[in-house]
């Protein structure tokens, strides 16, 4: 019995010694091991390349392609701020940088907007043909044109009571815009006793060509381009735009009418925006035209009105996939 007890004691002491040795090894390793960095490999890499911690925090939510691009670059304030803009694309980065150099007074969001809508190029250069001319949000401006033969297939004549022409010519517009125009007039008449009329809406390529030729001959090309679209680049060819006036008054006097004050505040409720405003000339390339309405639908018109932005900026934001 005594021998068995001695054996058990020796085994216990041997086991205890093993535990102490193993524990000592782990304790030594813990004491000598460097603490684990709680940051991700992306954060560590960005930090090593000079990105400040507060900037790194704004980079992490970006898309993987933007993060990978920044990981390959040393920190540059200007470039990083441009990439951080939610509407910026890597494809346009060189253009953003060039535009910033040419316009150092502009904010980052302005730079991104202007480049994204091609305003870093002269008007009527780098033009392309729109792919979906029937879309209610189609952009037709000095960069995006329509096919010469394009004509909407749902044009209707404006009723005589709302035709503001004095020469007896018909005014045609796409049906959705016509219905919205009548609804707007019903509300305007109910609230004020007045109506607005339209003098022109859809204009085909040939009509616009004649009109632009007249303006160019009368005023020169520079002024003509402020007041008239070149053929193929007019919103009127979409059938979604119309020029309105107050009961047949001179169109330039529309802004002084009571109807204009009402339309300015309520047109969006029926799907229209006042397309060419003085504050947007740098974007649209046209002088103010308080009489030029563009139909885009109630939802879009209301959003554009509430945000006080151009159609170009609105569509740019939509196409970016970034929620507004």
C-alpha atoms as a PDB file:
ATOM      1  CA  UNK A   1       0.000   0.000   0.000  1.00  0.00           C
ATOM      2  CA  UNK A   2       2.794   2.396   0.914  1.00  0.00           C
ATOM      3  CA  UNK A   3       4.452   1.815  -2.438  1.00  0.00           C
ATOM      4  CA  UNK A   4       1.211   2.530  -4.334  1.00  0.00           C
ATOM      5  CA  UNK A   5       0.749   5.734  -2.343  1.00  0.00           C
ATOM      6  CA  UNK A   6       4.280   6.839  -3.210  1.00  0.00           C
ATOM      7  CA  UNK A   7       3.657   6.126  -6.888  1.00  0.00           C
ATOM      8  CA  UNK A   8       0.428   8.178  -6.891  1.00  0.00           C
ATOM      9  CA  UNK A   9       2.207  11.081  -5.167  1.00  0.00           C
ATOM     10  CA  UNK A  10       5.003  10.990  -7.727  1.00  0.00           C
ATOM     11  CA  UNK A  11       2.513  10.964 -10.616  1.00  0.00           C
ATOM     12  CA  UNK A  12       0.610  13.875  -9.090  1.00  0.00           C
ATOM     13  CA  UNK A  13       3.801  15.870  -8.616  1.00  0.00           C
ATOM     14  CA  UNK A  14       4.884  15.069 -12.189  1.00  0.00           C
ATOM     15  CA  UNK A  15       1.526  16.175 -13.561  1.00  0.00           C
ATOM     16  CA  UNK A  16       1.614  19.349 -11.498  1.00  0.00           C
ATOM     17  CA  UNK A  17       5.090  20.087 -12.809  1.00  0.00           C
ATOM     18  CA  UNK A  18       3.866  19.665 -16.406  1.00  0.00           C
ATOM     19  CA  UNK A  19       0.986  22.048 -15.803  1.00  0.00           C
ATOM     20  CA  UNK A  20       3.320  24.610 -14.277  1.00  0.00           C
ATOM     21  CA  UNK A  21       5.762  24.299 -17.158  1.00  0.00           C
ATOM     22  CA  UNK A  22       3.083  24.622 -19.852  1.00  0.00           C
ATOM     23  CA  UNK A  23       1.444  27.506 -18.010  1.00  0.00           C
ATOM     24  CA  UNK A  24       4.785  29.197 -17.676  1.00  0.00           C
ATOM     25  CA  UNK A  25       5.426  28.871 -21.388  1.00  0.00           C
ATOM     26  CA  UNK A  26       2.045  30.430 -22.236  1.00  0.00           C
ATOM     27  CA  UNK A  27       2.579  33.191 -19.691  1.00  0.00           C
ATOM     28  CA  UNK A  28       6.026  33.938 -21.126  1.00  0.00           C
ATOM     29  CA  UNK A  29       4.644  34.059 -24.644  1.00  0.00           C
ATOM     30  CA  UNK A  30       1.881  36.411 -23.543  1.00  0.00           C
ATOM     31  CA  UNK A  31       4.365  38.722 -21.867  1.00  0.00           C
ATOM     32  CA  UNK A  32       6.701  38.807 -24.847  1.00  0.00           C
ATOM     33  CA  UNK A  33       4.083  38.804 -27.612  1.00  0.00           C
ATOM     34  CA  UNK A  34       3.216  42.127 -29.276  1.00  0.00           C
ATOM     35  CA  UNK A  35      -0.405  43.243 -28.668  1.00  0.00           C
ATOM     36  CA  UNK A  36      -2.819  42.485 -31.539  1.00  0.00           C
ATOM     37  CA  UNK A  37      -3.726  45.587 -33.590  1.00  0.00           C
ATOM     38  CA  UNK A  38      -7.542  45.919 -33.392  1.00  0.00           C
ATOM     39  CA  UNK A  39      -7.627  47.706 -36.757  1.00  0.00           C
ATOM     40  CA  UNK A  40      -8.366  45.971 -40.045  1.00  0.00           C
ATOM     41  CA  UNK A  41      -5.663  45.422 -42.618  1.00  0.00           C
ATOM     42  CA  UNK A  42      -7.242  48.185 -44.750  1.00  0.00           C
ATOM     43  CA  UNK A  43      -7.027  50.670 -41.874  1.00  0.00           C
ATOM     44  CA  UNK A  44      -3.451  49.715 -41.137  1.00  0.00           C
ATOM     45  CA  UNK A  45      -2.407  50.030 -44.774  1.00  0.00           C
ATOM     46  CA  UNK A  46      -4.116  53.424 -45.174  1.00  0.00           C
ATOM     47  CA  UNK A  47      -2.496  54.656 -41.990  1.00  0.00           C
ATOM     48  CA  UNK A  48       0.924  53.548 -43.213  1.00  0.00           C
ATOM     49  CA  UNK A  49       0.353  55.599 -46.373  1.00  0.00           C
ATOM     50  CA  UNK A  50      -0.331  58.757 -44.434  1.00  0.00           C
ATOM     51  CA  UNK A  51      -4.129  58.861 -44.291  1.00  0.00           C
ATOM     52  CA  UNK A  52      -5.301  60.557 -41.055  1.00  0.00           C
ATOM     53  CA  UNK A  53      -7.536  58.484 -38.790  1.00  0.00           C
ATOM     54  CA  UNK A  54     -10.537  60.791 -39.283  1.00  0.00           C
ATOM     55  CA  UNK A  55     -10.156  60.422 -43.060  1.00  0.00           C
ATOM     56  CA  UNK A  56      -9.796  56.647 -42.818  1.00  0.00           C
ATOM     57  CA  UNK A  57     -13.147  56.471 -41.033  1.00  0.00           C
ATOM     58  CA  UNK A  58     -14.792  58.204 -44.007  1.00  0.00           C
ATOM     59  CA  UNK A  59     -13.024  55.927 -46.492  1.00  0.00           C
ATOM     60  CA  UNK A  60     -14.126  52.598 -44.992  1.00  0.00           C
ATOM     61  CA  UNK A  61     -17.795  52.840 -46.119  1.00  0.00           C
ATOM     62  CA  UNK A  62     -16.749  53.483 -49.744  1.00  0.00           C
ATOM     63  CA  UNK A  63     -17.133  50.933 -52.526  1.00  0.00           C
ATOM     64  CA  UNK A  64     -14.369  48.362 -52.866  1.00  0.00           C
ATOM     65  CA  UNK A  65     -13.064  49.851 -56.119  1.00  0.00           C
ATOM     66  CA  UNK A  66     -12.588  53.261 -54.492  1.00  0.00           C
ATOM     67  CA  UNK A  67     -10.919  51.723 -51.416  1.00  0.00           C
ATOM     68  CA  UNK A  68      -8.578  49.642 -53.565  1.00  0.00           C
ATOM     69  CA  UNK A  69      -7.644  52.717 -55.566  1.00  0.00           C
ATOM     70  CA  UNK A  70      -6.818  54.675 -52.405  1.00  0.00           C
ATOM     71  CA  UNK A  71      -4.848  51.752 -50.997  1.00  0.00           C
ATOM     72  CA  UNK A  72      -2.530  52.064 -53.975  1.00  0.00           C
ATOM     73  CA  UNK A  73      -1.988  55.811 -53.450  1.00  0.00           C
ATOM     74  CA  UNK A  74      -0.190  57.904 -50.874  1.00  0.00           C
ATOM     75  CA  UNK A  75      -2.495  60.360 -49.138  1.00  0.00           C
ATOM     76  CA  UNK A  76      -3.399  63.377 -51.250  1.00  0.00           C
ATOM     77  CA  UNK A  77      -6.001  65.740 -49.788  1.00  0.00           C
ATOM     78  CA  UNK A  78      -7.484  66.957 -53.059  1.00  0.00           C
ATOM     79  CA  UNK A  79      -7.724  63.574 -54.740  1.00  0.00           C
ATOM     80  CA  UNK A  80      -9.114  61.908 -51.624  1.00  0.00           C
ATOM     81  CA  UNK A  81     -11.778  64.578 -51.096  1.00  0.00           C
ATOM     82  CA  UNK A  82     -12.933  64.136 -54.682  1.00  0.00           C
ATOM     83  CA  UNK A  83     -13.179  60.352 -54.357  1.00  0.00           C
ATOM     84  CA  UNK A  84     -15.091  60.730 -51.099  1.00  0.00           C
ATOM     85  CA  UNK A  85     -17.893  62.588 -52.883  1.00  0.00           C
ATOM     86  CA  UNK A  86     -20.807  60.118 -53.137  1.00  0.00           C
ATOM     87  CA  UNK A  87     -21.416  60.950 -56.802  1.00  0.00           C
ATOM     88  CA  UNK A  88     -17.774  60.800 -57.889  1.00  0.00           C
ATOM     89  CA  UNK A  89     -16.563  58.039 -60.184  1.00  0.00           C
ATOM     90  CA  UNK A  90     -13.020  56.808 -60.636  1.00  0.00           C
ATOM     91  CA  UNK A  91     -13.471  57.002 -64.401  1.00  0.00           C
ATOM     92  CA  UNK A  92     -13.836  60.790 -64.136  1.00  0.00           C
ATOM     93  CA  UNK A  93     -11.070  61.354 -61.581  1.00  0.00           C
ATOM     94  CA  UNK A  94      -8.582  62.931 -64.003  1.00  0.00           C
ATOM     95  CA  UNK A  95     -11.308  65.262 -65.252  1.00  0.00           C
ATOM     96  CA  UNK A  96     -12.214  66.232 -61.671  1.00  0.00           C
ATOM     97  CA  UNK A  97      -8.589  67.059 -60.978  1.00  0.00           C
ATOM     98  CA  UNK A  98      -8.283  69.132 -64.155  1.00  0.00           C
ATOM     99  CA  UNK A  99     -11.536  70.984 -63.461  1.00  0.00           C
ATOM    100  CA  UNK A 100     -10.390  71.728 -59.910  1.00  0.00           C
ATOM    101  CA  UNK A 101      -7.188  73.248 -61.248  1.00  0.00           C
ATOM    102  CA  UNK A 102      -9.191  75.428 -63.638  1.00  0.00           C
ATOM    103  CA  UNK A 103     -11.823  76.356 -61.031  1.00  0.00           C
ATOM    104  CA  UNK A 104     -10.113  76.394 -57.620  1.00  0.00           C
ATOM    105  CA  UNK A 105     -12.966  78.426 -56.159  1.00  0.00           C
ATOM    106  CA  UNK A 106     -15.510  75.631 -56.708  1.00  0.00           C
ATOM    107  CA  UNK A 107     -16.454  73.190 -53.976  1.00  0.00           C
ATOM    108  CA  UNK A 108     -15.896  69.452 -54.376  1.00  0.00           C
ATOM    109  CA  UNK A 109     -19.585  68.736 -54.956  1.00  0.00           C
ATOM    110  CA  UNK A 110     -19.734  71.429 -57.640  1.00  0.00           C
ATOM    111  CA  UNK A 111     -16.659  70.002 -59.378  1.00  0.00           C
ATOM    112  CA  UNK A 112     -18.125  66.493 -59.386  1.00  0.00           C
ATOM    113  CA  UNK A 113     -21.488  67.727 -60.651  1.00  0.00           C
ATOM    114  CA  UNK A 114     -20.062  69.831 -63.465  1.00  0.00           C
ATOM    115  CA  UNK A 115     -17.802  67.055 -64.727  1.00  0.00           C
ATOM    116  CA  UNK A 116     -20.487  64.374 -64.414  1.00  0.00           C
ATOM    117  CA  UNK A 117     -22.838  66.402 -66.624  1.00  0.00           C
ATOM    118  CA  UNK A 118     -19.998  67.189 -69.091  1.00  0.00           C
ATOM    119  CA  UNK A 119     -19.726  70.886 -68.249  1.00  0.00           C
ATOM    120  CA  UNK A 120     -15.959  70.598 -68.252  1.00  0.00           C
ATOM    121  CA  UNK A 121     -16.337  70.379 -72.048  1.00  0.00           C
ATOM    122  CA  UNK A 122     -17.448  73.277 -74.268  1.00  0.00           C
ATOM    123  CA  UNK A 123     -21.114  73.169 -75.287  1.00  0.00           C
ATOM    124  CA  UNK A 124     -21.899  71.061 -78.345  1.00  0.00           C
ATOM    125  CA  UNK A 125     -18.686  69.051 -78.021  1.00  0.00           C
ATOM    126  CA  UNK A 126     -18.424  65.437 -76.841  1.00  0.00           C
ATOM    127  CA  UNK A 127     -22.064  65.071 -77.842  1.00  0.00           C
ATOM    128  CA  UNK A 128     -23.988  61.814 -78.035  1.00  0.00           C
ATOM    129  CA  UNK A 129     -27.439  60.624 -79.023  1.00  0.00           C
ATOM    130  CA  UNK A 130     -29.852  59.719 -76.235  1.00  0.00           C
ATOM    131  CA  UNK A 131     -30.675  56.036 -75.973  1.00  0.00           C
ATOM    132  CA  UNK A 132     -34.253  56.304 -74.688  1.00  0.00           C
ATOM    133  CA  UNK A 133     -35.963  59.419 -76.098  1.00  0.00           C
ATOM    134  CA  UNK A 134     -39.397  58.335 -74.790  1.00  0.00           C
ATOM    135  CA  UNK A 135     -38.241  58.370 -71.152  1.00  0.00           C
ATOM    136  CA  UNK A 136     -39.966  61.107 -69.122  1.00  0.00           C
ATOM    137  CA  UNK A 137     -36.572  61.993 -67.618  1.00  0.00           C
ATOM    138  CA  UNK A 138     -34.688  62.072 -70.913  1.00  0.00           C
ATOM    139  CA  UNK A 139     -31.928  64.686 -70.889  1.00  0.00           C
ATOM    140  CA  UNK A 140     -31.800  66.690 -74.099  1.00  0.00           C
ATOM    141  CA  UNK A 141     -29.334  69.551 -73.846  1.00  0.00           C
ATOM    142  CA  UNK A 142     -26.146  70.818 -75.481  1.00  0.00           C
ATOM    143  CA  UNK A 143     -24.432  67.448 -75.050  1.00  0.00           C
ATOM    144  CA  UNK A 144     -27.257  64.977 -75.626  1.00  0.00           C
ATOM    145  CA  UNK A 145     -29.314  65.088 -78.823  1.00  0.00           C
ATOM    146  CA  UNK A 146     -32.191  63.259 -80.462  1.00  0.00           C
ATOM    147  CA  UNK A 147     -32.290  61.415 -83.796  1.00  0.00           C
ATOM    148  CA  UNK A 148     -33.298  63.724 -86.646  1.00  0.00           C
ATOM    149  CA  UNK A 149     -36.364  61.618 -87.372  1.00  0.00           C
ATOM    150  CA  UNK A 150     -37.528  61.229 -83.768  1.00  0.00           C
ATOM    151  CA  UNK A 151     -41.168  62.076 -83.098  1.00  0.00           C
ATOM    152  CA  UNK A 152     -43.184  60.779 -80.126  1.00  0.00           C
ATOM    153  CA  UNK A 153     -46.010  58.453 -81.093  1.00  0.00           C
ATOM    154  CA  UNK A 154     -48.470  59.791 -78.501  1.00  0.00           C
ATOM    155  CA  UNK A 155     -48.736  63.445 -79.547  1.00  0.00           C
ATOM    156  CA  UNK A 156     -52.109  65.147 -79.119  1.00  0.00           C
ATOM    157  CA  UNK A 157     -53.388  68.593 -80.065  1.00  0.00           C
ATOM    158  CA  UNK A 158     -53.822  71.122 -77.268  1.00  0.00           C
ATOM    159  CA  UNK A 159     -57.458  72.148 -76.964  1.00  0.00           C
ATOM    160  CA  UNK A 160     -58.313  75.457 -78.628  1.00  0.00           C
ATOM    161  CA  UNK A 161     -59.171  77.069 -75.280  1.00  0.00           C
ATOM    162  CA  UNK A 162     -55.546  76.632 -74.180  1.00  0.00           C
ATOM    163  CA  UNK A 163     -53.822  77.271 -77.517  1.00  0.00           C
ATOM    164  CA  UNK A 164     -52.122  80.641 -77.180  1.00  0.00           C
ATOM    165  CA  UNK A 165     -51.108  81.038 -80.810  1.00  0.00           C
ATOM    166  CA  UNK A 166     -52.614  83.854 -82.843  1.00  0.00           C
ATOM    167  CA  UNK A 167     -51.848  82.351 -86.258  1.00  0.00           C
ATOM    168  CA  UNK A 168     -54.206  79.399 -85.976  1.00  0.00           C
ATOM    169  CA  UNK A 169     -51.421  76.804 -85.897  1.00  0.00           C
ATOM    170  CA  UNK A 170     -51.963  73.679 -83.825  1.00  0.00           C
ATOM    171  CA  UNK A 171     -49.841  72.996 -80.751  1.00  0.00           C
ATOM    172  CA  UNK A 172     -49.077  69.342 -80.067  1.00  0.00           C
ATOM    173  CA  UNK A 173     -47.587  67.681 -77.006  1.00  0.00           C
ATOM    174  CA  UNK A 174     -47.307  64.197 -75.542  1.00  0.00           C
ATOM    175  CA  UNK A 175     -50.561  63.037 -73.978  1.00  0.00           C
ATOM    176  CA  UNK A 176     -49.237  62.770 -70.415  1.00  0.00           C
ATOM    177  CA  UNK A 177     -48.023  66.357 -70.568  1.00  0.00           C
ATOM    178  CA  UNK A 178     -51.303  67.539 -72.103  1.00  0.00           C
ATOM    179  CA  UNK A 179     -53.370  65.876 -69.374  1.00  0.00           C
ATOM    180  CA  UNK A 180     -51.139  67.424 -66.701  1.00  0.00           C
ATOM    181  CA  UNK A 181     -51.432  70.824 -68.393  1.00  0.00           C
ATOM    182  CA  UNK A 182     -55.232  70.661 -68.290  1.00  0.00           C
ATOM    183  CA  UNK A 183     -55.191  69.562 -64.639  1.00  0.00           C
ATOM    184  CA  UNK A 184     -52.889  72.442 -63.765  1.00  0.00           C
ATOM    185  CA  UNK A 185     -55.149  74.885 -65.573  1.00  0.00           C
ATOM    186  CA  UNK A 186     -58.212  73.539 -63.777  1.00  0.00           C
ATOM    187  CA  UNK A 187     -56.529  74.180 -60.420  1.00  0.00           C
ATOM    188  CA  UNK A 188     -55.242  77.575 -61.501  1.00  0.00           C
ATOM    189  CA  UNK A 189     -58.680  78.647 -62.697  1.00  0.00           C
ATOM    190  CA  UNK A 190     -60.385  77.378 -59.563  1.00  0.00           C
ATOM    191  CA  UNK A 191     -57.972  79.256 -57.295  1.00  0.00           C
ATOM    192  CA  UNK A 192     -57.433  82.467 -59.283  1.00  0.00           C
ATOM    193  CA  UNK A 193     -60.021  82.592 -62.047  1.00  0.00           C
ATOM    194  CA  UNK A 194     -57.206  82.690 -64.629  1.00  0.00           C
ATOM    195  CA  UNK A 195     -55.563  80.227 -67.019  1.00  0.00           C
ATOM    196  CA  UNK A 196     -52.315  79.887 -68.961  1.00  0.00           C
ATOM    197  CA  UNK A 197     -51.982  78.984 -72.616  1.00  0.00           C
ATOM    198  CA  UNK A 198     -49.214  77.396 -74.648  1.00  0.00           C
ATOM    199  CA  UNK A 199     -47.739  78.863 -77.797  1.00  0.00           C
ATOM    200  CA  UNK A 200     -45.439  75.986 -78.735  1.00  0.00           C
ATOM    201  CA  UNK A 201     -44.700  72.476 -77.544  1.00  0.00           C
ATOM    202  CA  UNK A 202     -43.482  69.706 -79.871  1.00  0.00           C
ATOM    203  CA  UNK A 203     -41.171  70.966 -82.605  1.00  0.00           C
ATOM    204  CA  UNK A 204     -39.575  68.579 -85.066  1.00  0.00           C
ATOM    205  CA  UNK A 205     -35.974  68.735 -86.273  1.00  0.00           C
ATOM    206  CA  UNK A 206     -36.803  70.763 -89.385  1.00  0.00           C
ATOM    207  CA  UNK A 207     -38.781  73.374 -87.429  1.00  0.00           C
ATOM    208  CA  UNK A 208     -35.935  73.764 -84.925  1.00  0.00           C
ATOM    209  CA  UNK A 209     -33.422  74.057 -87.723  1.00  0.00           C
ATOM    210  CA  UNK A 210     -35.356  76.940 -89.248  1.00  0.00           C
ATOM    211  CA  UNK A 211     -35.761  78.633 -85.876  1.00  0.00           C
ATOM    212  CA  UNK A 212     -32.084  78.341 -84.963  1.00  0.00           C
ATOM    213  CA  UNK A 213     -31.057  79.604 -88.386  1.00  0.00           C
ATOM    214  CA  UNK A 214     -33.257  82.666 -87.868  1.00  0.00           C
ATOM    215  CA  UNK A 215     -31.778  83.389 -84.429  1.00  0.00           C
ATOM    216  CA  UNK A 216     -28.238  82.987 -85.720  1.00  0.00           C
ATOM    217  CA  UNK A 217     -28.830  85.333 -88.627  1.00  0.00           C
ATOM    218  CA  UNK A 218     -30.525  87.903 -86.398  1.00  0.00           C
ATOM    219  CA  UNK A 219     -28.267  87.841 -83.321  1.00  0.00           C
ATOM    220  CA  UNK A 220     -25.100  85.906 -84.131  1.00  0.00           C
ATOM    221  CA  UNK A 221     -24.264  82.404 -82.963  1.00  0.00           C
ATOM    222  CA  UNK A 222     -23.168  83.267 -79.413  1.00  0.00           C
ATOM    223  CA  UNK A 223     -26.441  84.950 -78.495  1.00  0.00           C
ATOM    224  CA  UNK A 224     -28.452  82.466 -80.527  1.00  0.00           C
ATOM    225  CA  UNK A 225     -26.999  79.620 -78.452  1.00  0.00           C
ATOM    226  CA  UNK A 226     -28.223  81.309 -75.263  1.00  0.00           C
ATOM    227  CA  UNK A 227     -31.754  81.593 -76.561  1.00  0.00           C
ATOM    228  CA  UNK A 228     -32.307  78.723 -78.962  1.00  0.00           C
ATOM    229  CA  UNK A 229     -31.239  75.098 -79.181  1.00  0.00           C
ATOM    230  CA  UNK A 230     -29.446  73.793 -82.210  1.00  0.00           C
ATOM    231  CA  UNK A 231     -31.502  71.339 -84.273  1.00  0.00           C
ATOM    232  CA  UNK A 232     -31.594  67.928 -82.655  1.00  0.00           C
ATOM    233  CA  UNK A 233     -30.724  69.332 -79.238  1.00  0.00           C
ATOM    234  CA  UNK A 234     -34.054  70.926 -78.340  1.00  0.00           C
ATOM    235  CA  UNK A 235     -36.279  69.656 -75.523  1.00  0.00           C
ATOM    236  CA  UNK A 236     -39.253  70.642 -77.655  1.00  0.00           C
ATOM    237  CA  UNK A 237     -38.537  67.675 -79.927  1.00  0.00           C
ATOM    238  CA  UNK A 238     -39.274  65.358 -76.975  1.00  0.00           C
ATOM    239  CA  UNK A 239     -42.886  66.564 -76.881  1.00  0.00           C
ATOM    240  CA  UNK A 240     -42.479  67.069 -73.125  1.00  0.00           C
ATOM    241  CA  UNK A 241     -41.709  70.798 -73.164  1.00  0.00           C
ATOM    242  CA  UNK A 242     -44.058  73.690 -73.715  1.00  0.00           C
ATOM    243  CA  UNK A 243     -43.793  77.459 -73.682  1.00  0.00           C
ATOM    244  CA  UNK A 244     -46.691  79.134 -71.900  1.00  0.00           C
ATOM    245  CA  UNK A 245     -48.032  82.647 -71.534  1.00  0.00           C
ATOM    246  CA  UNK A 246     -50.800  84.535 -69.802  1.00  0.00           C
ATOM    247  CA  UNK A 247     -53.845  84.664 -72.077  1.00  0.00           C
ATOM    248  CA  UNK A 248     -51.879  85.417 -75.231  1.00  0.00           C
ATOM    249  CA  UNK A 249     -49.619  88.076 -73.718  1.00  0.00           C
ATOM    250  CA  UNK A 250     -46.065  88.550 -74.980  1.00  0.00           C
ATOM    251  CA  UNK A 251     -44.119  85.561 -73.696  1.00  0.00           C
ATOM    252  CA  UNK A 252     -41.311  87.666 -72.202  1.00  0.00           C
ATOM    253  CA  UNK A 253     -43.874  89.401 -69.984  1.00  0.00           C
ATOM    254  CA  UNK A 254     -45.076  86.134 -68.463  1.00  0.00           C
ATOM    255  CA  UNK A 255     -42.839  86.540 -65.419  1.00  0.00           C
ATOM    256  CA  UNK A 256     -44.738  89.681 -64.424  1.00  0.00           C
ATOM    257  CA  UNK A 257     -48.143  88.003 -64.489  1.00  0.00           C
ATOM    258  CA  UNK A 258     -50.174  86.626 -61.596  1.00  0.00           C
ATOM    259  CA  UNK A 259     -50.315  83.319 -63.422  1.00  0.00           C
ATOM    260  CA  UNK A 260     -46.523  83.017 -63.296  1.00  0.00           C
ATOM    261  CA  UNK A 261     -46.472  83.522 -59.535  1.00  0.00           C
ATOM    262  CA  UNK A 262     -48.955  80.681 -59.173  1.00  0.00           C
ATOM    263  CA  UNK A 263     -47.217  78.398 -61.691  1.00  0.00           C
ATOM    264  CA  UNK A 264     -43.849  78.995 -60.015  1.00  0.00           C
ATOM    265  CA  UNK A 265     -45.235  77.669 -56.720  1.00  0.00           C
ATOM    266  CA  UNK A 266     -47.514  74.912 -57.981  1.00  0.00           C
ATOM    267  CA  UNK A 267     -46.351  73.541 -61.353  1.00  0.00           C
ATOM    268  CA  UNK A 268     -44.485  70.679 -59.677  1.00  0.00           C
ATOM    269  CA  UNK A 269     -47.748  69.444 -58.158  1.00  0.00           C
ATOM    270  CA  UNK A 270     -48.792  68.525 -61.702  1.00  0.00           C
ATOM    271  CA  UNK A 271     -45.449  67.146 -62.897  1.00  0.00           C
ATOM    272  CA  UNK A 272     -43.849  70.250 -64.423  1.00  0.00           C
ATOM    273  CA  UNK A 273     -40.606  72.049 -63.669  1.00  0.00           C
ATOM    274  CA  UNK A 274     -39.523  75.494 -64.827  1.00  0.00           C
ATOM    275  CA  UNK A 275     -36.598  74.161 -66.797  1.00  0.00           C
ATOM    276  CA  UNK A 276     -34.440  77.217 -67.457  1.00  0.00           C
ATOM    277  CA  UNK A 277     -33.847  79.434 -64.433  1.00  0.00           C
ATOM    278  CA  UNK A 278     -31.320  82.219 -64.018  1.00  0.00           C
ATOM    279  CA  UNK A 279     -29.516  80.369 -61.226  1.00  0.00           C
ATOM    280  CA  UNK A 280     -29.034  77.347 -63.508  1.00  0.00           C
ATOM    281  CA  UNK A 281     -27.653  79.057 -66.619  1.00  0.00           C
ATOM    282  CA  UNK A 282     -24.115  77.773 -65.960  1.00  0.00           C
ATOM    283  CA  UNK A 283     -25.517  74.238 -66.036  1.00  0.00           C
ATOM    284  CA  UNK A 284     -28.138  74.465 -68.775  1.00  0.00           C
ATOM    285  CA  UNK A 285     -26.413  77.013 -71.023  1.00  0.00           C
ATOM    286  CA  UNK A 286     -29.651  78.966 -71.521  1.00  0.00           C
ATOM    287  CA  UNK A 287     -30.785  82.314 -70.214  1.00  0.00           C
ATOM    288  CA  UNK A 288     -33.780  82.282 -67.902  1.00  0.00           C
ATOM    289  CA  UNK A 289     -37.067  81.292 -69.488  1.00  0.00           C
ATOM    290  CA  UNK A 290     -39.824  81.442 -66.900  1.00  0.00           C
ATOM    291  CA  UNK A 291     -42.287  80.304 -69.558  1.00  0.00           C
ATOM    292  CA  UNK A 292     -40.523  77.061 -70.516  1.00  0.00           C
ATOM    293  CA  UNK A 293     -42.121  74.131 -68.697  1.00  0.00           C
ATOM    294  CA  UNK A 294     -40.830  70.578 -68.881  1.00  0.00           C
ATOM    295  CA  UNK A 295     -42.969  67.617 -67.914  1.00  0.00           C
ATOM    296  CA  UNK A 296     -41.223  64.929 -65.846  1.00  0.00           C
ATOM    297  CA  UNK A 297     -44.062  63.532 -63.720  1.00  0.00           C
ATOM    298  CA  UNK A 298     -45.267  64.575 -60.275  1.00  0.00           C
ATOM    299  CA  UNK A 299     -42.793  62.530 -58.199  1.00  0.00           C
ATOM    300  CA  UNK A 300     -39.721  63.779 -60.028  1.00  0.00           C
ATOM    301  CA  UNK A 301     -40.965  67.354 -60.398  1.00  0.00           C
ATOM    302  CA  UNK A 302     -41.678  67.567 -56.672  1.00  0.00           C
ATOM    303  CA  UNK A 303     -38.225  66.245 -55.784  1.00  0.00           C
ATOM    304  CA  UNK A 304     -36.536  68.699 -58.165  1.00  0.00           C
ATOM    305  CA  UNK A 305     -38.613  71.587 -56.804  1.00  0.00           C
ATOM    306  CA  UNK A 306     -37.919  70.705 -53.162  1.00  0.00           C
ATOM    307  CA  UNK A 307     -34.175  70.363 -53.768  1.00  0.00           C
ATOM    308  CA  UNK A 308     -33.957  73.469 -56.001  1.00  0.00           C
ATOM    309  CA  UNK A 309     -31.720  71.671 -58.485  1.00  0.00           C
ATOM    310  CA  UNK A 310     -31.500  71.275 -62.239  1.00  0.00           C
ATOM    311  CA  UNK A 311     -32.870  68.320 -64.158  1.00  0.00           C
ATOM    312  CA  UNK A 312     -29.273  67.445 -65.067  1.00  0.00           C
ATOM    313  CA  UNK A 313     -28.240  67.204 -61.425  1.00  0.00           C
ATOM    314  CA  UNK A 314     -31.353  65.249 -60.474  1.00  0.00           C
ATOM    315  CA  UNK A 315     -30.830  62.643 -63.187  1.00  0.00           C
ATOM    316  CA  UNK A 316     -27.104  62.465 -62.396  1.00  0.00           C
ATOM    317  CA  UNK A 317     -27.946  61.621 -58.788  1.00  0.00           C
ATOM    318  CA  UNK A 318     -30.517  59.017 -59.816  1.00  0.00           C
ATOM    319  CA  UNK A 319     -28.099  57.330 -62.207  1.00  0.00           C
ATOM    320  CA  UNK A 320     -25.380  57.200 -59.557  1.00  0.00           C
ATOM    321  CA  UNK A 321     -27.396  54.755 -57.505  1.00  0.00           C
ATOM    322  CA  UNK A 322     -26.875  56.867 -54.387  1.00  0.00           C
ATOM    323  CA  UNK A 323     -30.109  57.377 -52.446  1.00  0.00           C
ATOM    324  CA  UNK A 324     -31.258  60.984 -52.297  1.00  0.00           C
END
